[in-house]
């Protein structure tokens, strides 16, 4: 795990009081399922795309996830309708197939035992986020706040979603640890003034560090205890 502390810049370090989790690539690996759902949605329109076409738009919310590929292919989407259709396919695909990533339950338990407040902040729409939490056996009550794409205007890499999550937790962003897997999400966390752990489920450690991650780890099962002690 990389652990350069680049967030203090000579300023007093605030003790961690809250943890804000991204959803995809942090709590669950759902990108293959949403990419497959998007491929099927485009196929219903007679347009052939590949799962890898969506990779540049990971972490930016489904509007950009679908819209970026549509722009590249010269396809005009009815975004609200086509996004709902993608989610319908997605929710069918994940039935009985979605599993939490390694270490999720134990890490949440560790955070709770330390008295930390917890939030989910996902650029995905509520329909997808709630479907994921149900499949994972993590009802929304597991967290003190859940912020989704509809709750904000500017998506990652803008900091808005993490600023809103911190606000709902009643904390300053500087007292929060954001856990992300996407380059755009790491950039958003840093712009919000939070510290960030980058998980290498979607991008390499080097890319996450270049975006501003303070630490990287493969997953929540392999996060050293001292990460929660700053």
Foldseek 3Di string as FASTA:
>chain_A
DFFAPPQQVPHDAAAAAAEEEEPDPAFWPLLVLLLVLLQVLVVVVVDHDHSVLQLVCPQFEPLCSNVVSCVVVVHDDPPVVSVVSSLVSSLVVCVVPIETDPQPVVLLVVCVVVNHAYEYQYQYDPSNVQSNCVRHVNHRVSHQYYHYNVNDDGTFVAQVSLLVRCVSVVHQQSNYEYEEADLRVLNNSVNSSHAYEHAPSSHDPVSSVVSPHSYYDPHNNPDDPCVNGD
